[in-house]
Protein backbone atom coordinates (compact mmCIF):
# COMPACT_ATOMS: atom_id res chain seq x y z
CA MET A 1 0.00 0.00 0.00
CA ASN A 2 1.12 3.52 -0.70
CA PRO A 3 2.82 4.86 2.49
CA ILE A 4 0.51 7.89 2.56
CA TYR A 5 -2.57 5.66 2.29
CA GLU A 6 -1.15 3.43 5.02
CA LYS A 7 -0.71 6.39 7.37
CA LEU A 8 -4.27 7.55 6.64
CA PHE A 9 -5.57 4.01 7.15
CA ASP A 10 -3.81 3.70 10.50
CA SER A 11 -4.93 7.17 11.58
CA TYR A 12 -8.54 7.19 10.45
CA CYS A 13 -9.80 3.85 9.28
CA VAL A 14 -8.73 1.34 11.94
CA GLN A 15 -11.03 2.68 14.66
CA THR A 16 -13.99 2.96 12.28
CA LEU A 17 -13.34 -0.55 11.03
CA ARG A 18 -13.42 -1.87 14.59
CA GLU A 19 -16.78 -0.20 15.14
CA VAL A 20 -18.47 -0.90 11.80
CA CYS A 21 -17.12 -4.30 10.80
CA PRO A 22 -15.27 -5.93 13.70
CA TYR A 23 -13.32 -9.13 13.15
CA ASP A 24 -15.63 -11.96 14.22
CA HIS A 25 -13.18 -14.22 16.03
CA GLU A 26 -15.94 -16.10 17.88
CA SER A 27 -17.62 -17.29 14.67
CA LEU A 28 -14.29 -18.46 13.32
CA GLU A 29 -13.62 -20.32 16.57
CA GLU A 30 -16.98 -22.07 16.26
CA LEU A 31 -16.16 -23.08 12.70
CA LEU A 32 -12.71 -24.36 13.65
CA ASP A 33 -14.16 -26.26 16.62
CA GLY A 34 -16.12 -28.39 14.17
CA LEU A 35 -12.95 -29.49 12.39
CA SER A 36 -10.37 -32.02 13.55
CA LEU A 37 -7.31 -29.81 13.58
CA ASP A 38 -4.19 -29.82 15.68
CA ALA A 39 -3.31 -26.64 17.57
CA ASP A 40 -0.63 -25.49 15.11
CA VAL A 41 -2.88 -25.78 12.05
CA ARG A 42 -5.72 -24.11 13.91
CA LEU A 43 -3.50 -21.18 14.88
CA ARG A 44 -2.19 -20.81 11.33
CA LEU A 45 -5.75 -20.78 9.95
CA ASP A 46 -6.83 -18.21 12.51
CA ASP A 47 -3.84 -16.02 11.62
CA ALA A 48 -4.48 -16.43 7.89
CA PHE A 49 -8.13 -15.37 8.21
CA TYR A 50 -7.16 -12.34 10.30
CA GLU A 51 -4.45 -11.35 7.81
CA ARG A 52 -6.98 -11.57 4.96
CA TYR A 53 -9.43 -9.45 6.96
CA LEU A 54 -6.79 -6.77 7.48
CA GLN A 55 -5.61 -6.94 3.87
CA TRP A 56 -9.14 -6.68 2.51
CA SER A 57 -9.85 -3.75 4.82
CA ALA A 58 -6.69 -1.92 3.78
CA ASP A 59 -7.32 -2.60 0.09
CA ALA A 60 -10.93 -1.43 0.31
CA PHE A 61 -9.80 1.73 2.10
CA ALA A 62 -7.09 2.47 -0.47
CA VAL A 63 -9.46 1.94 -3.41
CA GLY A 64 -12.13 4.09 -1.76
CA LEU A 65 -9.64 6.82 -0.96
CA HIS A 66 -8.25 6.78 -4.49
CA LEU A 67 -11.75 6.89 -5.98
CA GLY A 68 -12.77 9.72 -3.66
CA LEU A 69 -9.69 11.76 -4.55
CA SER A 70 -10.24 11.07 -8.25
CA LEU A 71 -13.84 12.22 -8.04
CA PHE A 72 -12.81 15.27 -6.04
CA HIS A 73 -10.31 16.21 -8.74
CA ASP A 74 -12.69 15.12 -11.52
CA GLU A 75 -10.15 12.67 -12.92
CA VAL A 76 -12.57 9.80 -13.42
CA ARG A 77 -13.03 8.97 -17.06
CA ARG A 78 -16.66 9.02 -18.06
CA PHE A 79 -17.73 6.53 -20.66
CA GLY A 80 -21.17 7.26 -21.95
CA ALA A 81 -23.24 9.24 -24.38
CA GLN A 82 -21.36 12.51 -23.84
CA GLN A 83 -17.98 10.98 -24.54
CA PHE A 84 -19.34 9.10 -27.54
CA GLN A 85 -20.81 12.32 -29.00
CA HIS A 86 -17.53 14.14 -28.41
CA ARG A 87 -15.57 11.46 -30.26
CA ALA A 88 -18.11 11.38 -33.10
CA ARG A 89 -17.70 15.12 -33.64
CA GLY A 90 -13.90 14.99 -33.53
């Protein structure tokens, strides 16, 4: 992740993420309880799920931030009737 996005994520997003979409460790524990796993495999699975949760959260934040900045600066390319008409005239 871009270092600036990472700083913004750590400063602004982490607390909101904890409030809005907390990591559901209890549900994962219930799921893992139903499987015959040794302690090491169980711990690695738990860590892997948590890492994916954090990665998805950071990626979603970075994409949302980039989109928001692009919209703010009107840098989003618009594909539609207006662009088609502009190309047809040119």
